[in-house]
Amino acid sequence: MAIFSTWTFFFNSCKSREFDYITYYNRVNEIDSIYRMANNPQKAIKKYRKLFRKYTPKNQERIEEYFTYIKISDDYNKNFGGKKSLYKLIPLIAPYGDSYKDQFKLYQKYGIDSTEVNQRVADWKKSLNKQLIDSFTIAMIRDQVGRPNDKTLVKKNVEKNAHLFLWTFTNYGFPSSQKIGRLGNNDVFIAMPTLLSHMVSSESYPIIKSKVFEYLKSGDCSPQDYSLMADTFDNNKNTASRFRYRNKTQDSTQVNRSRKSIGLPSLKHEAEIRKDFFKKTKKK
């Protein structure tokens, strides 16, 4: 009986951890604020290390939590896991074109030359789902046809793409950048946030929204992508956005509460992230 109880507890614990990434995202936001706003990188390093022992790391756009952990650990000569962690970082930064090459110097410092990094990125690209890349390349092109004037054609194409999403969810899960990258065939940019936000006019939106929320909790969909979809729906209904501050009549406290419920940073914190991102972009 005791053995059965132990295994039941283990199974339930594993099951609950599968859907715990909103907690992960909120912890990242807390740690990032320690690093970015409180200017305490060494404390952030310790907290990131603890977090990444529990969760498989993500590397969200702009906040870049796993890269930040490695970079500031290196800056302060703290152990971040060396080669093992750097190898883990490669597929997380591989979807962003050639930007991974900016880190050649860091990799070389730990005995990983540019040839090996390039090969691992190439291997990552080979591992992507070709069928889904083909399908979402077509979906991205189809999504733009007829906009903004031919509403009948746009509606027809939205429903086709909704069908693709539902089929993908059933057969492959969420079509994340780790499954399809960000560039489709002939370098067509697959703008997943755009595709998702256009689903709000589909008859299948309620089920798509429900499934995407599940993928948010499992870590397959980012809070940013989910919030854009949900806010687009609110905008179309001409109601107050839950996750964006549209006008002065909105209660920013309530908006921040809603943002935290899906793992987004506060409005003030996001403004700092955005400012730092554009500052870094200008330097390039």
Protein backbone atom coordinates (compact mmCIF):
# COMPACT_ATOMS: atom_id res chain seq x y z
CA MET A 1 0.00 0.00 0.00
CA ALA A 2 2.85 2.36 0.89
CA ILE A 3 4.56 1.60 -2.42
CA PHE A 4 1.35 2.34 -4.31
CA SER A 5 0.94 5.64 -2.46
CA THR A 6 4.52 6.60 -3.23
CA TRP A 7 4.09 5.91 -6.93
CA THR A 8 0.76 7.74 -6.96
CA PHE A 9 2.41 10.77 -5.38
CA PHE A 10 5.30 10.58 -7.86
CA PHE A 11 2.92 10.33 -10.83
CA ASN A 12 0.76 13.21 -9.64
CA SER A 13 3.82 15.34 -8.92
CA CYS A 14 5.21 14.75 -12.40
CA LYS A 15 1.83 15.41 -13.93
CA SER A 16 1.41 18.71 -12.08
CA ARG A 17 4.91 19.85 -13.04
CA GLU A 18 4.07 19.36 -16.70
CA PHE A 19 1.65 22.28 -16.44
CA ASP A 20 3.67 24.60 -14.26
CA TYR A 21 5.26 27.03 -16.70
CA ILE A 22 3.13 30.00 -15.71
CA THR A 23 4.87 29.69 -12.36
CA TYR A 24 8.18 29.42 -14.23
CA TYR A 25 7.48 32.59 -16.23
CA ASN A 26 6.55 34.50 -13.08
CA ARG A 27 9.74 33.35 -11.37
CA VAL A 28 11.72 34.51 -14.41
CA ASN A 29 10.03 37.90 -14.16
CA GLU A 30 10.91 38.16 -10.48
CA ILE A 31 14.53 37.23 -11.12
CA ASP A 32 14.81 39.49 -14.14
CA SER A 33 13.59 42.42 -12.06
CA ILE A 34 16.32 41.63 -9.51
CA TYR A 35 18.88 41.73 -12.30
CA ARG A 36 17.47 44.48 -14.50
CA MET A 37 15.74 46.85 -12.07
CA ALA A 38 17.35 46.19 -8.69
CA ASN A 39 20.78 45.80 -10.34
CA ASN A 40 21.73 42.75 -8.29
CA PRO A 41 23.13 40.29 -10.86
CA GLN A 42 24.82 37.97 -8.37
CA LYS A 43 21.57 37.39 -6.53
CA ALA A 44 19.87 36.82 -9.89
CA ILE A 45 22.49 34.20 -10.81
CA LYS A 46 21.73 32.17 -7.67
CA LYS A 47 17.99 32.32 -8.24
CA TYR A 48 18.28 31.45 -11.93
CA ARG A 49 20.49 28.48 -11.10
CA LYS A 50 17.87 27.18 -8.68
CA LEU A 51 15.07 27.75 -11.20
CA PHE A 52 16.84 25.94 -14.04
CA ARG A 53 17.47 22.93 -11.83
CA LYS A 54 13.71 22.55 -11.54
CA TYR A 55 12.56 23.58 -15.02
CA THR A 56 13.84 22.96 -18.51
CA PRO A 57 14.85 26.51 -19.45
CA LYS A 58 13.17 28.67 -22.03
CA ASN A 59 14.77 31.73 -23.57
CA GLN A 60 11.93 34.13 -24.24
CA GLU A 61 12.37 36.84 -26.81
CA ARG A 62 13.76 40.08 -25.33
CA ILE A 63 14.00 38.79 -21.74
CA GLU A 64 16.32 35.91 -22.80
CA GLU A 65 16.46 34.35 -19.36
CA TYR A 66 18.74 31.40 -20.07
CA PHE A 67 21.24 33.40 -22.11
CA THR A 68 21.19 36.13 -19.45
CA TYR A 69 21.93 33.56 -16.75
CA ILE A 70 24.91 32.21 -18.69
CA LYS A 71 26.21 35.64 -19.66
CA ILE A 72 26.13 37.22 -16.21
CA SER A 73 27.49 34.03 -14.65
CA ASP A 74 30.41 34.25 -17.05
CA ASP A 75 30.84 37.97 -16.28
CA TYR A 76 31.10 37.21 -12.56
CA ASN A 77 33.12 34.00 -12.95
CA LYS A 78 30.30 31.89 -11.53
CA ASN A 79 29.67 28.30 -12.50
CA PHE A 80 26.74 27.98 -14.92
CA GLY A 81 27.39 24.46 -16.14
CA GLY A 82 30.01 25.19 -18.80
CA LYS A 83 29.77 23.28 -22.06
CA LYS A 84 26.66 21.36 -21.05
CA SER A 85 24.67 24.57 -20.51
CA LEU A 86 26.09 26.21 -23.63
CA TYR A 87 25.02 23.21 -25.71
CA LYS A 88 21.56 23.51 -24.16
CA LEU A 89 21.45 27.17 -25.19
CA ILE A 90 22.11 26.50 -28.90
CA PRO A 91 18.62 25.27 -29.89
CA LEU A 92 17.06 28.09 -27.86
CA ILE A 93 18.84 30.78 -29.88
CA ALA A 94 18.97 28.88 -33.19
CA PRO A 95 15.51 30.04 -34.38
CA TYR A 96 16.69 33.66 -34.54
CA GLY A 97 18.62 33.56 -37.80
CA ASP A 98 22.35 34.22 -37.60
CA SER A 99 22.17 36.02 -34.26
CA TYR A 100 23.66 32.94 -32.57
CA LYS A 101 26.94 33.86 -34.26
CA ASP A 102 27.18 36.87 -31.95
CA GLN A 103 28.04 34.38 -29.19
CA PHE A 104 30.95 32.65 -30.93
CA LYS A 105 33.40 34.37 -28.60
CA LEU A 106 31.57 33.10 -25.51
CA TYR A 107 31.46 29.56 -26.88
CA GLN A 108 35.13 29.64 -27.82
CA LYS A 109 36.00 30.68 -24.29
CA TYR A 110 34.66 27.33 -23.11
CA GLY A 111 36.28 25.22 -25.82
CA ILE A 112 33.46 25.13 -28.38
CA ASP A 113 34.59 26.49 -31.73
CA SER A 114 32.40 28.16 -34.35
CA THR A 115 32.46 25.08 -36.58
CA GLU A 116 30.86 22.97 -33.87
CA VAL A 117 28.26 25.63 -33.10
CA ASN A 118 27.37 25.91 -36.79
CA GLN A 119 27.07 22.14 -37.04
CA ARG A 120 24.79 21.94 -34.03
CA VAL A 121 22.58 24.66 -35.47
CA ALA A 122 22.50 22.76 -38.77
CA ASP A 123 21.54 19.58 -36.91
CA TRP A 124 18.81 21.48 -35.10
CA LYS A 125 17.41 22.70 -38.42
CA LYS A 126 17.39 19.13 -39.74
CA SER A 127 15.40 18.03 -36.69
CA LEU A 128 12.53 20.41 -37.46
CA ASN A 129 9.22 19.04 -38.68
CA LYS A 130 9.29 19.45 -42.46
CA GLN A 131 5.60 18.69 -42.86
CA LEU A 132 4.65 21.42 -40.40
CA ILE A 133 7.08 23.88 -41.98
CA ASP A 134 5.42 23.26 -45.36
CA SER A 135 1.95 23.64 -43.87
CA PHE A 136 2.65 26.81 -41.90
CA THR A 137 4.52 28.42 -44.78
CA ILE A 138 1.34 27.99 -46.82
CA ALA A 139 -0.75 29.19 -43.86
CA MET A 140 1.34 32.34 -43.47
CA ILE A 141 1.04 33.22 -47.16
CA ARG A 142 -2.67 32.36 -47.15
CA ASP A 143 -3.23 34.51 -44.07
CA GLN A 144 -2.26 37.66 -45.96
CA VAL A 145 -4.28 37.00 -49.11
CA GLY A 146 -7.28 39.30 -49.48
CA ARG A 147 -6.44 41.56 -46.54
CA PRO A 148 -7.86 44.00 -45.78
CA ASN A 149 -10.63 44.35 -48.36
CA ASP A 150 -11.84 40.88 -49.42
CA LYS A 151 -13.55 39.85 -46.19
CA THR A 152 -15.14 36.74 -47.69
CA LEU A 153 -11.78 35.36 -48.83
CA VAL A 154 -10.11 36.34 -45.56
CA LYS A 155 -12.79 34.52 -43.57
CA LYS A 156 -12.39 31.42 -45.74
CA ASN A 157 -8.61 31.45 -45.24
CA VAL A 158 -8.94 31.99 -41.49
CA GLU A 159 -11.07 28.85 -41.25
CA LYS A 160 -8.52 26.88 -43.28
CA ASN A 161 -5.77 28.00 -40.93
CA ALA A 162 -7.95 27.23 -37.91
CA HIS A 163 -8.38 23.70 -39.23
CA LEU A 164 -4.59 23.46 -39.60
CA PHE A 165 -4.07 24.57 -36.01
CA LEU A 166 -6.55 22.02 -34.67
CA TRP A 167 -5.02 19.25 -36.77
CA THR A 168 -1.54 20.23 -35.58
CA PHE A 169 -2.62 20.32 -31.93
CA THR A 170 -4.01 16.79 -32.27
CA ASN A 171 -1.05 15.32 -34.10
CA TYR A 172 2.00 17.31 -33.01
CA GLY A 173 1.06 19.68 -30.21
CA PHE A 174 1.78 23.39 -30.41
CA PRO A 175 3.77 24.48 -33.52
CA SER A 176 6.51 26.20 -31.55
CA SER A 177 9.77 27.50 -32.96
CA GLN A 178 11.40 24.34 -31.62
CA LYS A 179 9.23 22.34 -34.01
CA ILE A 180 9.12 24.59 -37.08
CA GLY A 181 11.65 27.37 -36.49
CA ARG A 182 10.70 30.91 -37.49
CA LEU A 183 11.51 30.85 -41.19
CA GLY A 184 9.48 28.69 -43.53
CA ASN A 185 10.19 27.68 -47.10
CA ASN A 186 11.86 30.35 -49.24
CA ASP A 187 12.57 32.29 -46.04
CA VAL A 188 8.90 33.11 -45.45
CA PHE A 189 8.70 34.48 -41.92
CA ILE A 190 6.20 32.43 -39.93
CA ALA A 191 4.69 35.03 -37.63
CA MET A 192 3.00 32.75 -35.13
CA PRO A 193 1.60 35.64 -33.03
CA THR A 194 -0.08 37.02 -36.16
CA LEU A 195 -1.54 33.66 -37.14
CA LEU A 196 -2.85 33.09 -33.63
CA SER A 197 -4.33 36.57 -33.30
CA HIS A 198 -6.21 36.12 -36.58
CA MET A 199 -7.86 33.02 -35.14
CA VAL A 200 -10.14 35.24 -33.06
CA SER A 201 -12.49 35.56 -36.05
CA SER A 202 -12.70 31.79 -36.53
CA GLU A 203 -15.70 29.77 -35.42
CA SER A 204 -13.16 27.48 -33.75
CA TYR A 205 -11.64 30.25 -31.63
CA PRO A 206 -13.03 29.03 -28.27
CA ILE A 207 -11.41 25.61 -28.63
CA ILE A 208 -8.22 27.09 -30.10
CA LYS A 209 -7.96 29.52 -27.19
CA SER A 210 -8.49 26.70 -24.70
CA LYS A 211 -5.80 24.55 -26.31
CA VAL A 212 -3.34 27.44 -26.57
CA PHE A 213 -3.83 28.13 -22.86
CA GLU A 214 -2.91 24.50 -22.16
CA TYR A 215 0.25 25.00 -24.22
CA LEU A 216 0.98 28.17 -22.29
CA LYS A 217 0.89 26.17 -19.07
CA SER A 218 3.07 23.41 -20.49
CA GLY A 219 5.67 25.91 -21.71
CA ASP A 220 5.12 25.36 -25.44
CA CYS A 221 3.45 28.73 -26.06
CA SER A 222 4.83 31.99 -24.68
CA PRO A 223 2.76 34.36 -22.52
CA GLN A 224 3.37 37.05 -25.15
CA ASP A 225 1.78 35.01 -27.95
CA TYR A 226 -1.19 34.00 -25.82
CA SER A 227 -1.81 37.55 -24.60
CA LEU A 228 -1.70 39.01 -28.11
CA MET A 229 -4.33 36.53 -29.23
CA ALA A 230 -6.57 37.22 -26.22
CA ASP A 231 -6.17 40.99 -26.48
CA THR A 232 -6.97 40.91 -30.19
CA PHE A 233 -10.24 39.20 -29.31
CA ASP A 234 -10.97 41.89 -26.71
CA ASN A 235 -10.15 44.63 -29.21
CA ASN A 236 -12.48 43.11 -31.78
CA LYS A 237 -15.24 43.04 -29.18
CA ASN A 238 -14.33 46.63 -28.22
CA THR A 239 -13.83 45.65 -24.59
CA ALA A 240 -10.93 46.52 -22.31
CA SER A 241 -7.80 44.51 -23.05
CA ARG A 242 -6.89 42.15 -20.25
CA PHE A 243 -3.14 42.19 -20.75
CA ARG A 244 -2.40 45.53 -22.43
CA TYR A 245 -2.97 49.08 -21.20
CA ARG A 246 -5.06 50.72 -23.94
CA ASN A 247 -6.35 53.87 -22.28
CA LYS A 248 -6.45 55.81 -19.01
CA THR A 249 -9.83 54.42 -18.04
CA GLN A 250 -8.26 51.03 -17.40
CA ASP A 251 -7.12 49.97 -13.95
CA SER A 252 -3.40 49.27 -14.29
CA THR A 253 -3.49 47.21 -11.08
CA GLN A 254 -6.06 44.89 -12.64
CA VAL A 255 -4.09 44.72 -15.88
CA ASN A 256 -0.96 43.74 -13.93
CA ARG A 257 -2.94 41.13 -12.02
CA SER A 258 -4.18 39.66 -15.30
CA ARG A 259 -0.67 39.73 -16.73
CA LYS A 260 0.71 37.81 -13.77
CA SER A 261 -2.02 35.19 -14.17
CA ILE A 262 -0.41 34.11 -17.46
CA GLY A 263 3.24 34.82 -16.63
CA LEU A 264 3.73 38.27 -18.16
CA PRO A 265 5.88 40.89 -16.41
CA SER A 266 4.19 43.98 -15.02
CA LEU A 267 3.61 46.95 -17.31
CA LYS A 268 6.50 48.85 -15.71
CA HIS A 269 8.82 45.87 -15.94
CA GLU A 270 7.89 45.23 -19.57
CA ALA A 271 8.64 48.88 -20.39
CA GLU A 272 12.16 48.38 -18.97
CA ILE A 273 12.63 45.18 -20.96
CA ARG A 274 11.50 46.94 -24.13
CA LYS A 275 13.77 49.92 -23.49
CA ASP A 276 16.81 47.69 -22.92
CA PHE A 277 15.98 45.63 -26.00
CA PHE A 278 15.85 48.64 -28.32
CA LYS A 279 18.98 50.07 -26.71
CA LYS A 280 20.81 46.83 -27.46
CA THR A 281 19.40 46.74 -31.00
CA LYS A 282 20.71 50.25 -31.73
CA LYS A 283 24.23 49.20 -30.74
CA LYS A 284 24.35 46.52 -33.43
